[in-house]
Amino acid sequence: MSFDLAGRTALVTGCRRGIGKGAAIALAAAGADVVGVSANLEPGDEVAVEIEALGRRFNPYRCDLAEMPIEDNCVDVMMARSVMEHITDPARVYREAYRVLKPGGQFIFLTANLWDYASIIATVIPNRFHPWIVSKTEGRKEHDVFPIAYRTNTRGAVRKWADHAGFEIVSFRYLGQYPSYFMFNGFLFWLATGYEKLISRVPCLNFLQGWIFVTLRKP
């Protein structure tokens, strides 16, 4: 990140629990005031209590990313981890991100790569089966599994929606993933680990890695 967070305003999506919650608390500890946006966020959630204990402001909004009740040009950085694969209207979400960011502000997100094997399998299997499958393979609670859409999960899609909204693409990177989906079976886990090593070491195969990490900037 190219600026000091002390005294800045950070918008964190999906921050009620898990990694999103951890990111929100870390940003508050770094001196940022935090705006939390989630479809199921409540004012008295644990994330709110912990941020306020740090002496930072926390403004929670229970809303859709495509329509945030937040003022124009008021956020320095917007962050999303494992959120963008769920949005169904990327044009509106990118425009909303652009609207709420200050000039020079950054929209940073980590999301699943559509060309990863897990994403391909997920697109084939109907969403209604995902909670049960994920609970059995990863141990995640079923109510923490949300429908996937993969509308902005390739380099081309990110470029398209960023250009339409007016963003500059600061960086676009492919990142590998830990093959946790296969931890239930030793042989499959071994195969998946080998696959991850191969696609990370061969440059022309990098586009198959599990994650895309994107930084966009509002001019």
Protein backbone atom coordinates (compact mmCIF):
# COMPACT_ATOMS: atom_id res chain seq x y z
CA MET A 1 0.00 0.00 0.00
CA SER A 2 1.42 3.36 -1.00
CA PHE A 3 0.25 5.50 1.91
CA ASP A 4 0.27 5.61 5.70
CA LEU A 5 -3.02 4.45 7.22
CA ALA A 6 -2.85 6.67 10.31
CA GLY A 7 -5.88 8.96 10.23
CA ARG A 8 -7.15 7.43 6.97
CA THR A 9 -10.51 5.82 6.29
CA ALA A 10 -10.53 2.17 5.21
CA LEU A 11 -13.59 0.37 3.87
CA VAL A 12 -13.53 -3.40 4.47
CA THR A 13 -16.08 -5.70 2.88
CA GLY A 14 -17.20 -9.02 4.35
CA CYS A 15 -15.72 -8.08 7.71
CA ARG A 16 -18.11 -9.75 10.12
CA ARG A 17 -15.94 -12.81 10.68
CA GLY A 18 -12.86 -14.69 9.47
CA ILE A 19 -10.14 -13.04 7.42
CA GLY A 20 -12.29 -9.99 6.68
CA LYS A 21 -12.73 -9.39 10.39
CA GLY A 22 -8.99 -9.79 10.96
CA ALA A 23 -8.21 -7.30 8.19
CA ALA A 24 -10.59 -4.72 9.65
CA ILE A 25 -9.03 -5.03 13.11
CA ALA A 26 -5.48 -4.86 11.68
CA LEU A 27 -6.33 -1.68 9.75
CA ALA A 28 -7.77 -0.14 12.90
CA ALA A 29 -4.64 -1.10 14.83
CA ALA A 30 -2.61 0.66 12.12
CA GLY A 31 -4.52 3.87 12.85
CA ALA A 32 -7.32 3.81 10.29
CA ASP A 33 -10.97 4.57 10.90
CA VAL A 34 -12.89 1.59 9.52
CA VAL A 35 -16.09 1.41 7.50
CA GLY A 36 -17.50 -2.11 7.47
CA VAL A 37 -19.80 -3.30 4.70
CA SER A 38 -21.44 -6.73 4.73
CA ALA A 39 -24.78 -8.28 3.90
CA ASN A 40 -25.09 -9.60 7.47
CA LEU A 41 -23.21 -7.03 9.55
CA GLU A 42 -24.64 -5.82 12.87
CA PRO A 43 -23.52 -2.83 15.03
CA GLY A 44 -22.81 -5.02 18.07
CA ASP A 45 -20.76 -7.68 16.28
CA GLU A 46 -17.43 -8.75 17.75
CA VAL A 47 -15.49 -6.88 15.05
CA ALA A 48 -17.13 -3.62 16.12
CA VAL A 49 -16.31 -4.20 19.79
CA GLU A 50 -12.65 -4.98 19.08
CA ILE A 51 -12.14 -1.98 16.78
CA GLU A 52 -13.78 0.43 19.19
CA ALA A 53 -11.57 -1.00 21.98
CA LEU A 54 -8.59 0.19 19.92
CA GLY A 55 -9.96 3.72 20.06
CA ARG A 56 -10.82 3.87 16.36
CA ARG A 57 -14.14 4.66 14.75
CA PHE A 58 -16.11 1.82 13.21
CA ASN A 59 -19.09 2.57 10.98
CA PRO A 60 -20.98 -0.62 10.05
CA TYR A 61 -23.31 -0.84 7.07
CA ARG A 62 -25.51 -3.81 6.36
CA CYS A 63 -25.92 -3.44 2.62
CA ASP A 64 -25.01 -4.66 -0.85
CA LEU A 65 -21.73 -3.51 -2.40
CA ALA A 66 -23.68 -2.42 -5.46
CA GLU A 67 -25.54 0.21 -3.40
CA MET A 68 -23.66 1.54 -0.38
CA PRO A 69 -25.20 4.34 1.75
CA ILE A 70 -21.82 6.07 1.98
CA GLU A 71 -20.85 9.59 0.91
CA ASP A 72 -18.89 10.29 -2.25
CA ASN A 73 -15.10 10.67 -2.05
CA CYS A 74 -14.77 9.70 1.62
CA VAL A 75 -12.67 6.48 1.62
CA ASP A 76 -8.88 6.23 1.23
CA VAL A 77 -8.69 2.49 0.65
CA MET A 78 -11.31 -0.20 0.00
CA MET A 79 -10.43 -3.85 0.60
CA ALA A 80 -12.16 -7.11 -0.26
CA ARG A 81 -10.95 -10.66 0.37
CA SER A 82 -12.94 -13.60 -1.02
CA VAL A 83 -15.84 -11.29 -1.83
CA MET A 84 -15.62 -10.37 -5.52
CA GLU A 85 -16.33 -13.93 -6.68
CA HIS A 86 -19.81 -13.57 -5.16
CA ILE A 87 -20.95 -10.33 -6.79
CA THR A 88 -23.53 -10.59 -9.56
CA ASP A 89 -23.39 -7.02 -10.90
CA PRO A 90 -19.72 -6.04 -11.23
CA ALA A 91 -20.48 -2.88 -13.22
CA ARG A 92 -22.41 -1.41 -10.28
CA VAL A 93 -19.92 -2.60 -7.67
CA TYR A 94 -16.94 -1.09 -9.49
CA ARG A 95 -18.85 2.19 -9.97
CA GLU A 96 -19.76 2.26 -6.28
CA ALA A 97 -16.15 1.62 -5.30
CA TYR A 98 -15.04 4.44 -7.58
CA ARG A 99 -17.70 6.77 -6.16
CA VAL A 100 -16.84 6.32 -2.48
CA LEU A 101 -13.05 6.47 -2.94
CA LYS A 102 -11.20 9.75 -2.72
CA PRO A 103 -9.07 10.79 -5.72
CA GLY A 104 -5.92 8.71 -5.45
CA GLY A 105 -7.70 6.11 -3.33
CA GLN A 106 -7.14 2.41 -3.94
CA PHE A 107 -9.46 -0.55 -4.32
CA ILE A 108 -7.54 -3.69 -3.35
CA PHE A 109 -9.01 -7.15 -3.61
CA LEU A 110 -8.03 -10.80 -3.48
CA THR A 111 -10.45 -13.13 -5.22
CA ALA A 112 -10.64 -16.60 -6.73
CA ASN A 113 -9.26 -17.07 -10.23
CA LEU A 114 -11.90 -18.45 -12.61
CA TRP A 115 -9.29 -20.73 -14.24
CA ASP A 116 -8.35 -22.45 -10.98
CA TYR A 117 -9.54 -26.06 -10.73
CA ALA A 118 -11.60 -25.31 -7.62
CA SER A 119 -13.42 -22.47 -9.40
CA ILE A 120 -14.08 -24.61 -12.47
CA ILE A 121 -15.52 -27.38 -10.29
CA ALA A 122 -17.62 -24.83 -8.39
CA THR A 123 -19.14 -23.48 -11.60
CA VAL A 124 -20.19 -26.99 -12.64
CA ILE A 125 -21.78 -27.87 -9.28
CA PRO A 126 -24.98 -25.91 -8.51
CA ASN A 127 -24.67 -23.33 -5.72
CA ARG A 128 -27.22 -25.12 -3.56
CA PHE A 129 -24.75 -27.96 -2.99
CA HIS A 130 -21.74 -25.79 -2.11
CA PRO A 131 -22.43 -25.31 1.63
CA TRP A 132 -22.60 -29.07 2.25
CA ILE A 133 -19.49 -29.82 0.15
CA VAL A 134 -17.38 -27.08 1.75
CA SER A 135 -18.46 -28.09 5.25
CA LYS A 136 -17.31 -31.67 4.56
CA THR A 137 -14.01 -30.85 2.81
CA GLU A 138 -12.90 -27.73 4.73
CA GLY A 139 -14.92 -27.86 7.92
CA ARG A 140 -16.36 -24.38 7.31
CA LYS A 141 -19.87 -23.79 8.66
CA GLU A 142 -22.57 -23.99 6.01
CA HIS A 143 -23.95 -20.52 6.81
CA ASP A 144 -20.52 -19.07 5.96
CA VAL A 145 -20.68 -20.35 2.37
CA PHE A 146 -22.26 -18.00 -0.16
CA PRO A 147 -23.31 -18.41 -3.83
CA ILE A 148 -20.57 -17.79 -6.38
CA ALA A 149 -20.91 -15.86 -9.66
CA TYR A 150 -17.34 -15.35 -11.00
CA ARG A 151 -18.28 -12.23 -13.01
CA THR A 152 -14.96 -10.46 -12.41
CA ASN A 153 -12.47 -13.27 -11.89
CA THR A 154 -10.17 -13.13 -14.91
CA ARG A 155 -7.63 -10.59 -16.10
CA GLY A 156 -9.88 -9.61 -18.99
CA ALA A 157 -12.94 -9.13 -16.78
CA VAL A 158 -11.03 -7.02 -14.26
CA ARG A 159 -9.68 -4.83 -17.07
CA LYS A 160 -13.16 -4.46 -18.57
CA TRP A 161 -14.94 -3.40 -15.39
CA ALA A 162 -12.04 -1.24 -14.17
CA ASP A 163 -11.97 0.65 -17.48
CA HIS A 164 -15.74 1.12 -17.46
CA ALA A 165 -15.65 2.59 -13.96
CA GLY A 166 -12.63 4.81 -14.62
CA PHE A 167 -10.04 2.98 -12.50
CA GLU A 168 -6.35 2.65 -13.31
CA ILE A 169 -4.94 -0.86 -12.82
CA VAL A 170 -1.92 -0.48 -10.53
CA SER A 171 -1.17 -4.20 -10.33
CA PHE A 172 -2.63 -7.60 -11.22
CA ARG A 173 -0.96 -10.71 -9.85
CA TYR A 174 -1.67 -14.44 -9.78
CA LEU A 175 -1.07 -16.13 -6.42
CA GLY A 176 -0.96 -19.80 -5.51
CA GLN A 177 -3.18 -21.42 -2.94
CA TYR A 178 -2.86 -24.11 -0.30
CA PRO A 179 -4.85 -27.14 -1.58
CA SER A 180 -7.07 -27.33 1.48
CA TYR A 181 -9.96 -28.73 -0.56
CA PHE A 182 -8.13 -32.08 -0.67
CA MET A 183 -7.00 -32.40 2.93
CA PHE A 184 -9.62 -35.09 3.45
CA ASN A 185 -7.58 -37.48 1.27
CA GLY A 186 -3.80 -37.90 1.50
CA PHE A 187 -3.24 -39.01 -2.10
CA LEU A 188 -5.38 -36.25 -3.62
CA PHE A 189 -3.68 -33.70 -1.37
CA TRP A 190 -0.26 -34.90 -2.59
CA LEU A 191 -1.36 -34.57 -6.23
CA ALA A 192 -2.80 -31.11 -5.66
CA THR A 193 0.37 -29.95 -3.91
CA GLY A 194 2.46 -31.09 -6.88
CA TYR A 195 0.11 -29.32 -9.26
CA GLU A 196 0.38 -26.07 -7.28
CA LYS A 197 4.19 -26.24 -7.39
CA LEU A 198 4.18 -26.85 -11.15
CA ILE A 199 1.92 -23.94 -12.11
CA SER A 200 3.78 -21.55 -9.81
CA ARG A 201 7.20 -22.43 -11.28
CA VAL A 202 6.25 -22.40 -14.99
CA PRO A 203 5.50 -18.79 -16.03
CA CYS A 204 3.14 -19.69 -18.88
CA LEU A 205 0.99 -21.66 -16.40
CA ASN A 206 0.74 -18.92 -13.77
CA PHE A 207 -2.73 -17.96 -15.01
CA LEU A 208 -4.00 -21.25 -13.54
CA GLN A 209 -3.11 -20.28 -9.97
CA GLY A 210 -5.88 -20.09 -7.42
CA TRP A 211 -6.02 -16.38 -6.63
CA ILE A 212 -5.85 -13.02 -8.35
CA PHE A 213 -4.61 -10.04 -6.34
CA VAL A 214 -5.62 -6.69 -7.78
CA THR A 215 -4.90 -3.06 -6.91
CA LEU A 216 -6.96 -0.40 -8.66
CA ARG A 217 -6.54 3.35 -8.27
CA LYS A 218 -9.00 6.19 -8.69
CA PRO A 219 -7.15 8.96 -10.59
